[in-house]
Amino acid sequence: DVCSSDLKDLCIDLIHDSKKDYSEIAEGTYLCVTTVKNLATEKTRFPRADTLERVLRYFGAQASVNLTSLKAQYRPQPKE
């Protein structure tokens, strides 16, 4: 089983290994630049599951977890 700290560490590694600007990742994940930066610098201790999912999807990574359905309010949406 993958725990949330493993997913967090994987996302941090993906961000750093990509050598991309936080703004480029934020645009591709529909996250705020600050959210990406705080995750990458480990300022965020307990990131939301949907934040980790967005980063994983952006980099084409897959993780297998057992979840109930994701509420509509938490599904990734384009910025307005």
Protein backbone atom coordinates (compact mmCIF):
# COMPACT_ATOMS: atom_id res chain seq x y z
CA ASP A 1 0.00 0.00 0.00
CA VAL A 2 1.09 3.52 -0.76
CA CYS A 3 0.69 5.99 2.07
CA SER A 4 0.14 9.72 1.63
CA SER A 5 3.69 10.60 2.70
CA ASP A 6 5.04 8.34 -0.08
CA LEU A 7 2.83 10.11 -2.61
CA LYS A 8 3.93 13.48 -1.29
CA ASP A 9 7.60 12.49 -1.60
CA LEU A 10 7.00 11.18 -5.13
CA CYS A 11 5.36 14.47 -6.15
CA ILE A 12 8.20 16.49 -4.66
CA ASP A 13 10.73 14.37 -6.57
CA LEU A 14 8.77 14.75 -9.82
CA ILE A 15 8.69 18.53 -9.43
CA HIS A 16 12.42 18.79 -8.67
CA ASP A 17 13.52 16.27 -11.31
CA SER A 18 11.52 18.05 -14.01
CA LYS A 19 13.57 21.25 -13.62
CA LYS A 20 10.40 23.13 -14.66
CA ASP A 21 9.37 26.46 -13.19
CA TYR A 22 6.68 26.28 -10.53
CA SER A 23 4.52 28.51 -12.72
CA GLU A 24 4.65 26.03 -15.62
CA ILE A 25 3.66 23.16 -13.33
CA ALA A 26 0.92 25.27 -11.73
CA GLU A 27 -0.55 26.07 -15.13
CA GLY A 28 -0.53 22.42 -16.17
CA THR A 29 -2.07 21.20 -12.92
CA TYR A 30 -4.60 24.03 -12.45
CA LEU A 31 -2.99 24.73 -9.07
CA CYS A 32 -1.82 28.02 -7.63
CA VAL A 33 1.92 28.71 -8.02
CA THR A 34 2.15 29.07 -4.25
CA THR A 35 0.63 25.62 -3.76
CA VAL A 36 3.21 24.04 -6.07
CA LYS A 37 6.07 25.95 -4.42
CA ASN A 38 4.91 25.08 -0.91
CA LEU A 39 4.66 21.41 -1.84
CA ALA A 40 8.08 21.39 -3.53
CA THR A 41 9.79 23.13 -0.62
CA GLU A 42 7.98 20.92 1.91
CA LYS A 43 6.33 23.90 3.57
CA THR A 44 3.04 22.03 3.16
CA ARG A 45 3.18 19.15 5.62
CA PHE A 46 -0.12 17.50 4.74
CA PRO A 47 -1.09 18.27 1.14
CA ARG A 48 -4.60 17.52 -0.04
CA ALA A 49 -5.11 14.31 -1.97
CA ASP A 50 -6.42 16.18 -5.01
CA THR A 51 -3.26 18.33 -5.06
CA LEU A 52 -1.08 15.22 -5.16
CA GLU A 53 -3.31 13.67 -7.80
CA ARG A 54 -3.00 16.72 -10.04
CA VAL A 55 0.79 16.65 -9.81
CA LEU A 56 0.93 12.91 -10.48
CA ARG A 57 -1.36 13.23 -13.51
CA TYR A 58 0.61 16.19 -14.87
CA PHE A 59 3.79 14.14 -14.90
CA GLY A 60 2.07 11.03 -16.22
CA ALA A 61 2.72 9.07 -13.04
CA GLN A 62 0.27 6.54 -11.70
CA ALA A 63 -0.39 5.35 -8.19
CA SER A 64 -2.92 2.75 -7.19
CA VAL A 65 -5.02 3.67 -4.17
CA ASN A 66 -8.45 2.69 -2.96
CA LEU A 67 -10.71 5.74 -2.84
CA THR A 68 -14.39 6.36 -2.78
CA SER A 69 -15.71 8.61 -5.51
CA LEU A 70 -14.25 12.10 -5.61
CA LYS A 71 -16.76 14.82 -4.82
CA ALA A 72 -17.47 17.13 -7.73
CA GLN A 73 -16.09 20.12 -5.82
CA TYR A 74 -12.67 18.44 -5.65
CA ARG A 75 -12.38 17.41 -9.30
CA PRO A 76 -9.71 19.36 -11.20
CA GLN A 77 -11.13 22.39 -12.95
CA PRO A 78 -9.53 24.97 -15.22
CA LYS A 79 -8.82 28.33 -13.65
CA GLU A 80 -11.31 31.04 -14.49
